[in-house]
N, C-alpha and C. Protein backbone atom coordinates (compact mmCIF):
# COMPACT_ATOMS: atom_id res chain seq x y z
N MET A 1 52.11 -27.19 -14.37
CA MET A 1 51.62 -25.83 -14.28
C MET A 1 50.09 -25.79 -14.36
N LYS A 2 49.53 -26.62 -15.25
CA LYS A 2 48.07 -26.66 -15.41
C LYS A 2 47.39 -27.13 -14.13
N LYS A 3 48.01 -28.07 -13.44
CA LYS A 3 47.47 -28.57 -12.19
C LYS A 3 47.50 -27.48 -11.11
N PHE A 4 48.55 -26.69 -11.06
CA PHE A 4 48.67 -25.60 -10.11
C PHE A 4 47.58 -24.55 -10.33
N VAL A 5 47.34 -24.18 -11.57
CA VAL A 5 46.30 -23.19 -11.90
C VAL A 5 44.92 -23.72 -11.52
N THR A 6 44.65 -24.99 -11.80
CA THR A 6 43.37 -25.59 -11.47
C THR A 6 43.14 -25.60 -9.96
N ILE A 7 44.15 -25.98 -9.21
CA ILE A 7 44.03 -26.01 -7.75
C ILE A 7 43.84 -24.60 -7.20
N THR A 8 44.58 -23.64 -7.73
CA THR A 8 44.45 -22.25 -7.28
C THR A 8 43.05 -21.71 -7.54
N ILE A 9 42.53 -21.96 -8.72
CA ILE A 9 41.17 -21.51 -9.05
C ILE A 9 40.15 -22.20 -8.15
N LEU A 10 40.31 -23.46 -7.90
CA LEU A 10 39.40 -24.20 -7.02
C LEU A 10 39.43 -23.63 -5.60
N ILE A 11 40.62 -23.34 -5.09
CA ILE A 11 40.74 -22.75 -3.75
C ILE A 11 40.07 -21.37 -3.71
N LEU A 12 40.27 -20.56 -4.73
CA LEU A 12 39.64 -19.24 -4.79
C LEU A 12 38.12 -19.34 -4.82
N VAL A 13 37.60 -20.28 -5.58
CA VAL A 13 36.14 -20.47 -5.65
C VAL A 13 35.59 -20.90 -4.29
N VAL A 14 36.27 -21.82 -3.62
CA VAL A 14 35.82 -22.30 -2.31
C VAL A 14 35.85 -21.16 -1.29
N PHE A 15 36.94 -20.40 -1.25
CA PHE A 15 37.03 -19.29 -0.29
C PHE A 15 36.04 -18.18 -0.60
N THR A 16 35.80 -17.90 -1.87
CA THR A 16 34.80 -16.89 -2.23
C THR A 16 33.41 -17.36 -1.81
N GLY A 17 33.09 -18.61 -2.06
CA GLY A 17 31.80 -19.15 -1.64
C GLY A 17 31.64 -19.13 -0.14
N LEU A 18 32.70 -19.45 0.59
CA LEU A 18 32.66 -19.43 2.05
C LEU A 18 32.47 -18.00 2.56
N PHE A 19 33.17 -17.04 1.96
CA PHE A 19 33.03 -15.64 2.35
C PHE A 19 31.61 -15.15 2.12
N VAL A 20 31.05 -15.44 0.96
CA VAL A 20 29.68 -15.00 0.65
C VAL A 20 28.69 -15.62 1.62
N TYR A 21 28.86 -16.89 1.92
CA TYR A 21 27.96 -17.55 2.86
C TYR A 21 28.02 -16.90 4.24
N VAL A 22 29.23 -16.71 4.77
CA VAL A 22 29.37 -16.14 6.11
C VAL A 22 28.90 -14.69 6.15
N LYS A 23 29.18 -13.93 5.12
CA LYS A 23 28.83 -12.51 5.10
C LYS A 23 27.33 -12.28 4.96
N TYR A 24 26.65 -13.07 4.11
CA TYR A 24 25.27 -12.76 3.76
C TYR A 24 24.22 -13.78 4.19
N TYR A 25 24.61 -15.01 4.51
CA TYR A 25 23.61 -16.03 4.80
C TYR A 25 23.76 -16.67 6.18
N TYR A 26 24.92 -16.58 6.77
CA TYR A 26 25.14 -17.15 8.10
C TYR A 26 24.45 -16.28 9.15
N VAL A 27 23.62 -16.88 10.00
CA VAL A 27 22.93 -16.14 11.05
C VAL A 27 23.93 -15.91 12.19
N PHE A 28 24.33 -14.66 12.35
CA PHE A 28 25.33 -14.27 13.35
C PHE A 28 24.74 -14.29 14.75
N ALA A 29 23.49 -13.82 14.89
CA ALA A 29 22.86 -13.77 16.21
C ALA A 29 21.34 -13.82 16.05
N THR A 30 20.68 -14.26 17.09
CA THR A 30 19.22 -14.19 17.16
C THR A 30 18.87 -13.56 18.50
N GLY A 31 17.70 -12.96 18.56
CA GLY A 31 17.30 -12.34 19.81
C GLY A 31 15.90 -11.77 19.74
N VAL A 32 15.54 -11.05 20.79
CA VAL A 32 14.23 -10.43 20.91
C VAL A 32 14.43 -8.96 21.26
N LYS A 33 13.71 -8.11 20.56
CA LYS A 33 13.69 -6.68 20.87
C LYS A 33 12.26 -6.29 21.18
N SER A 34 12.09 -5.43 22.19
CA SER A 34 10.78 -4.96 22.59
C SER A 34 10.74 -3.45 22.49
N GLY A 35 9.60 -2.94 22.06
CA GLY A 35 9.43 -1.49 21.98
C GLY A 35 8.18 -1.12 21.23
N VAL A 36 8.00 0.18 21.06
CA VAL A 36 6.83 0.71 20.36
C VAL A 36 7.15 0.75 18.87
N LEU A 37 6.23 0.23 18.07
CA LEU A 37 6.43 0.24 16.62
C LEU A 37 6.21 1.66 16.11
N ASN A 38 7.24 2.25 15.54
CA ASN A 38 7.18 3.61 15.02
C ASN A 38 6.58 3.61 13.62
N TYR A 39 7.08 2.75 12.74
CA TYR A 39 6.51 2.66 11.39
C TYR A 39 6.80 1.32 10.76
N ALA A 40 6.00 0.97 9.77
CA ALA A 40 6.19 -0.20 8.93
C ALA A 40 5.90 0.24 7.51
N VAL A 41 6.88 0.10 6.61
CA VAL A 41 6.74 0.58 5.24
C VAL A 41 7.20 -0.49 4.25
N TYR A 42 6.68 -0.37 3.04
CA TYR A 42 7.07 -1.20 1.90
C TYR A 42 7.76 -0.26 0.93
N LYS A 43 9.09 -0.38 0.77
CA LYS A 43 9.80 0.61 -0.03
C LYS A 43 10.94 -0.01 -0.82
N GLY A 44 11.43 0.78 -1.77
CA GLY A 44 12.58 0.37 -2.57
C GLY A 44 12.42 0.81 -4.01
N ASN A 45 13.54 1.11 -4.66
CA ASN A 45 13.52 1.50 -6.07
C ASN A 45 13.47 0.29 -6.98
N VAL A 46 14.40 -0.62 -6.82
CA VAL A 46 14.45 -1.82 -7.66
C VAL A 46 13.87 -3.01 -6.91
N PHE A 47 14.34 -3.23 -5.70
CA PHE A 47 13.86 -4.33 -4.86
C PHE A 47 12.96 -3.76 -3.77
N LYS A 48 11.68 -4.04 -3.83
CA LYS A 48 10.73 -3.59 -2.80
C LYS A 48 10.85 -4.52 -1.60
N THR A 49 11.07 -3.92 -0.44
CA THR A 49 11.23 -4.70 0.78
C THR A 49 10.37 -4.11 1.89
N TYR A 50 10.09 -4.93 2.89
CA TYR A 50 9.32 -4.52 4.05
C TYR A 50 10.29 -4.05 5.13
N GLU A 51 10.09 -2.83 5.62
CA GLU A 51 10.99 -2.23 6.61
C GLU A 51 10.18 -1.72 7.79
N GLY A 52 10.82 -1.61 8.94
CA GLY A 52 10.15 -1.08 10.11
C GLY A 52 11.13 -0.51 11.11
N LYS A 53 10.59 0.22 12.07
CA LYS A 53 11.41 0.78 13.14
C LYS A 53 10.69 0.64 14.46
N LEU A 54 11.41 0.16 15.44
CA LEU A 54 10.92 -0.04 16.80
C LEU A 54 11.65 0.95 17.70
N ILE A 55 10.92 1.65 18.54
CA ILE A 55 11.52 2.59 19.48
C ILE A 55 11.58 1.90 20.84
N GLN A 56 12.80 1.67 21.32
CA GLN A 56 13.00 1.06 22.63
C GLN A 56 13.26 2.18 23.61
N GLN A 57 12.61 2.13 24.74
CA GLN A 57 12.78 3.19 25.73
C GLN A 57 13.63 2.70 26.88
N GLY A 58 14.43 3.61 27.42
CA GLY A 58 15.28 3.26 28.54
C GLY A 58 15.94 4.50 29.09
N PHE A 59 16.73 4.29 30.11
CA PHE A 59 17.45 5.40 30.72
C PHE A 59 18.91 5.29 30.34
N GLY A 60 19.43 6.36 29.76
CA GLY A 60 20.83 6.39 29.34
C GLY A 60 21.74 6.87 30.45
N ARG A 61 23.01 6.70 30.28
CA ARG A 61 23.99 7.14 31.27
C ARG A 61 24.59 8.47 30.82
N GLN A 62 23.74 9.43 30.66
CA GLN A 62 24.22 10.75 30.30
C GLN A 62 24.51 11.54 31.57
N ASN A 63 24.91 12.78 31.43
CA ASN A 63 25.30 13.60 32.58
C ASN A 63 24.23 13.67 33.65
N ASN A 64 22.99 13.87 33.25
CA ASN A 64 21.92 14.04 34.24
C ASN A 64 21.01 12.82 34.34
N GLY A 65 21.36 11.69 33.75
CA GLY A 65 20.52 10.50 33.81
C GLY A 65 19.21 10.68 33.10
N SER A 66 19.20 11.49 32.05
CA SER A 66 17.95 11.81 31.36
C SER A 66 17.43 10.63 30.56
N PHE A 67 16.18 10.74 30.17
CA PHE A 67 15.49 9.72 29.39
C PHE A 67 16.07 9.67 27.99
N GLN A 68 16.35 8.49 27.48
CA GLN A 68 16.94 8.33 26.17
C GLN A 68 16.22 7.19 25.45
N SER A 69 15.96 7.34 24.16
CA SER A 69 15.32 6.25 23.42
C SER A 69 16.29 5.65 22.42
N TYR A 70 16.08 4.40 22.11
CA TYR A 70 16.92 3.67 21.17
C TYR A 70 16.04 3.20 20.01
N GLU A 71 16.58 3.26 18.82
CA GLU A 71 15.85 2.84 17.63
C GLU A 71 16.38 1.50 17.14
N PHE A 72 15.48 0.62 16.78
CA PHE A 72 15.82 -0.68 16.19
C PHE A 72 15.20 -0.72 14.80
N THR A 73 16.02 -0.53 13.79
CA THR A 73 15.55 -0.57 12.41
C THR A 73 15.71 -2.00 11.90
N PHE A 74 14.67 -2.53 11.26
CA PHE A 74 14.67 -3.92 10.85
C PHE A 74 13.99 -4.10 9.50
N SER A 75 14.20 -5.28 8.91
CA SER A 75 13.51 -5.70 7.70
C SER A 75 12.66 -6.92 8.02
N VAL A 76 11.64 -7.13 7.22
CA VAL A 76 10.73 -8.27 7.39
C VAL A 76 10.65 -8.98 6.04
N ASP A 77 10.78 -10.30 6.05
CA ASP A 77 10.69 -11.04 4.78
C ASP A 77 9.33 -11.71 4.57
N ASP A 78 8.50 -11.78 5.60
CA ASP A 78 7.20 -12.43 5.50
C ASP A 78 6.10 -11.38 5.39
N PRO A 79 5.33 -11.36 4.27
CA PRO A 79 4.27 -10.37 4.11
C PRO A 79 3.18 -10.46 5.18
N VAL A 80 2.92 -11.62 5.72
CA VAL A 80 1.90 -11.78 6.76
C VAL A 80 2.33 -11.06 8.04
N ILE A 81 3.59 -11.21 8.42
CA ILE A 81 4.11 -10.50 9.60
C ILE A 81 4.07 -9.00 9.36
N PHE A 82 4.46 -8.57 8.15
CA PHE A 82 4.44 -7.15 7.84
C PHE A 82 3.03 -6.57 7.93
N GLN A 83 2.03 -7.29 7.43
CA GLN A 83 0.65 -6.79 7.49
C GLN A 83 0.18 -6.62 8.92
N GLN A 84 0.58 -7.54 9.81
CA GLN A 84 0.21 -7.41 11.21
C GLN A 84 0.90 -6.19 11.84
N LEU A 85 2.15 -5.96 11.49
CA LEU A 85 2.85 -4.78 11.99
C LEU A 85 2.21 -3.50 11.46
N GLU A 86 1.90 -3.49 10.18
CA GLU A 86 1.33 -2.32 9.52
C GLU A 86 -0.01 -1.92 10.13
N ARG A 87 -0.83 -2.89 10.47
CA ARG A 87 -2.15 -2.62 11.04
C ARG A 87 -2.10 -2.18 12.50
N ASN A 88 -0.97 -2.38 13.17
CA ASN A 88 -0.90 -2.12 14.61
C ASN A 88 0.24 -1.17 14.97
N SER A 89 0.49 -0.19 14.13
CA SER A 89 1.54 0.79 14.42
C SER A 89 1.20 1.55 15.69
N GLY A 90 2.19 1.80 16.52
CA GLY A 90 1.98 2.50 17.78
C GLY A 90 1.81 1.59 18.97
N LYS A 91 1.68 0.29 18.74
CA LYS A 91 1.56 -0.67 19.84
C LYS A 91 2.94 -1.17 20.23
N VAL A 92 3.01 -1.82 21.38
CA VAL A 92 4.26 -2.39 21.87
C VAL A 92 4.38 -3.82 21.35
N PHE A 93 5.54 -4.13 20.76
CA PHE A 93 5.79 -5.44 20.18
C PHE A 93 7.02 -6.07 20.81
N ASP A 94 7.01 -7.38 20.89
CA ASP A 94 8.20 -8.18 21.17
C ASP A 94 8.50 -8.93 19.88
N LEU A 95 9.59 -8.56 19.22
CA LEU A 95 9.92 -9.11 17.91
C LEU A 95 11.14 -10.02 17.99
N HIS A 96 11.03 -11.21 17.42
CA HIS A 96 12.18 -12.11 17.32
C HIS A 96 12.88 -11.82 16.00
N TYR A 97 14.22 -11.72 16.04
CA TYR A 97 14.96 -11.35 14.83
C TYR A 97 16.20 -12.22 14.67
N LYS A 98 16.72 -12.20 13.44
CA LYS A 98 18.00 -12.81 13.10
C LYS A 98 18.92 -11.69 12.62
N GLU A 99 20.17 -11.76 13.01
CA GLU A 99 21.15 -10.76 12.58
C GLU A 99 22.18 -11.41 11.66
N PHE A 100 22.44 -10.76 10.54
CA PHE A 100 23.44 -11.21 9.57
C PHE A 100 24.61 -10.23 9.56
N HIS A 101 25.75 -10.66 9.05
CA HIS A 101 26.92 -9.77 8.94
C HIS A 101 26.73 -8.71 7.86
N GLY A 102 26.02 -9.04 6.81
CA GLY A 102 25.82 -8.11 5.70
C GLY A 102 24.39 -8.16 5.22
N ARG A 103 24.02 -7.18 4.41
CA ARG A 103 22.66 -7.13 3.89
C ARG A 103 22.67 -7.35 2.38
N LEU A 104 21.60 -7.92 1.90
CA LEU A 104 21.40 -8.10 0.47
C LEU A 104 20.25 -7.21 0.03
N PRO A 105 20.34 -6.58 -1.15
CA PRO A 105 19.31 -5.61 -1.55
C PRO A 105 17.91 -6.21 -1.65
N TRP A 106 17.78 -7.46 -2.02
CA TRP A 106 16.46 -8.07 -2.15
C TRP A 106 15.95 -8.59 -0.82
N ARG A 107 16.79 -8.61 0.20
CA ARG A 107 16.36 -9.08 1.52
C ARG A 107 15.95 -7.93 2.43
N GLY A 108 16.45 -6.72 2.17
CA GLY A 108 16.05 -5.59 2.99
C GLY A 108 17.17 -4.58 3.17
N HIS A 109 16.84 -3.50 3.85
CA HIS A 109 17.79 -2.42 4.06
C HIS A 109 18.54 -2.56 5.38
N SER A 110 18.34 -3.62 6.10
CA SER A 110 18.94 -3.80 7.42
C SER A 110 19.56 -5.19 7.53
N VAL A 111 20.50 -5.33 8.46
CA VAL A 111 21.08 -6.65 8.73
C VAL A 111 20.21 -7.43 9.72
N TYR A 112 19.18 -6.77 10.26
CA TYR A 112 18.25 -7.42 11.20
C TYR A 112 16.99 -7.83 10.46
N MET A 113 16.66 -9.13 10.49
CA MET A 113 15.47 -9.66 9.83
C MET A 113 14.51 -10.19 10.89
N VAL A 114 13.35 -9.56 11.00
CA VAL A 114 12.33 -10.03 11.94
C VAL A 114 11.64 -11.23 11.32
N ASP A 115 11.59 -12.33 12.07
CA ASP A 115 10.98 -13.55 11.54
C ASP A 115 9.72 -13.97 12.29
N SER A 116 9.44 -13.31 13.44
CA SER A 116 8.19 -13.62 14.13
C SER A 116 7.85 -12.53 15.15
N ILE A 117 6.57 -12.48 15.47
CA ILE A 117 6.07 -11.58 16.50
C ILE A 117 5.75 -12.43 17.72
N LEU A 118 6.43 -12.18 18.82
CA LEU A 118 6.21 -12.98 20.02
C LEU A 118 5.04 -12.46 20.85
N ALA A 119 4.89 -11.14 20.92
CA ALA A 119 3.79 -10.55 21.70
C ALA A 119 3.47 -9.17 21.13
N MET A 120 2.21 -8.77 21.34
CA MET A 120 1.76 -7.44 20.94
C MET A 120 0.76 -6.96 21.99
N ARG A 121 0.93 -5.70 22.42
CA ARG A 121 0.03 -5.16 23.44
C ARG A 121 -0.05 -3.65 23.29
N ASP A 122 -1.10 -3.08 23.87
CA ASP A 122 -1.24 -1.63 23.88
C ASP A 122 -0.25 -1.06 24.89
N GLN A 123 0.04 0.22 24.75
CA GLN A 123 1.01 0.87 25.64
C GLN A 123 0.54 0.95 27.06
């Protein structure tokens, strides 16, 4: 019986560790988003994190084919990247990001983490 309990606990620990890794640390996707930087802020009650929003412009498939914008909300973990974003609000950026399945409070308010700036230009 003692061996059964030990094996069961070991299996639970392994599966819990695997779940936490896949949910919060496994990089689900990487990519590039382009758009106008709307804002870059440093915020949080307990965990202060760097956050930003990129406005992507495009044409939606609505009834009249009207102009529609898309928002890309992201977090930044590197203060140097955040400072560059903060100083250049309103410019067009190409941002490389990583997407996770879940978010951690000390990592940011979004599942998207920007890890580099590929290009920056005026509108």
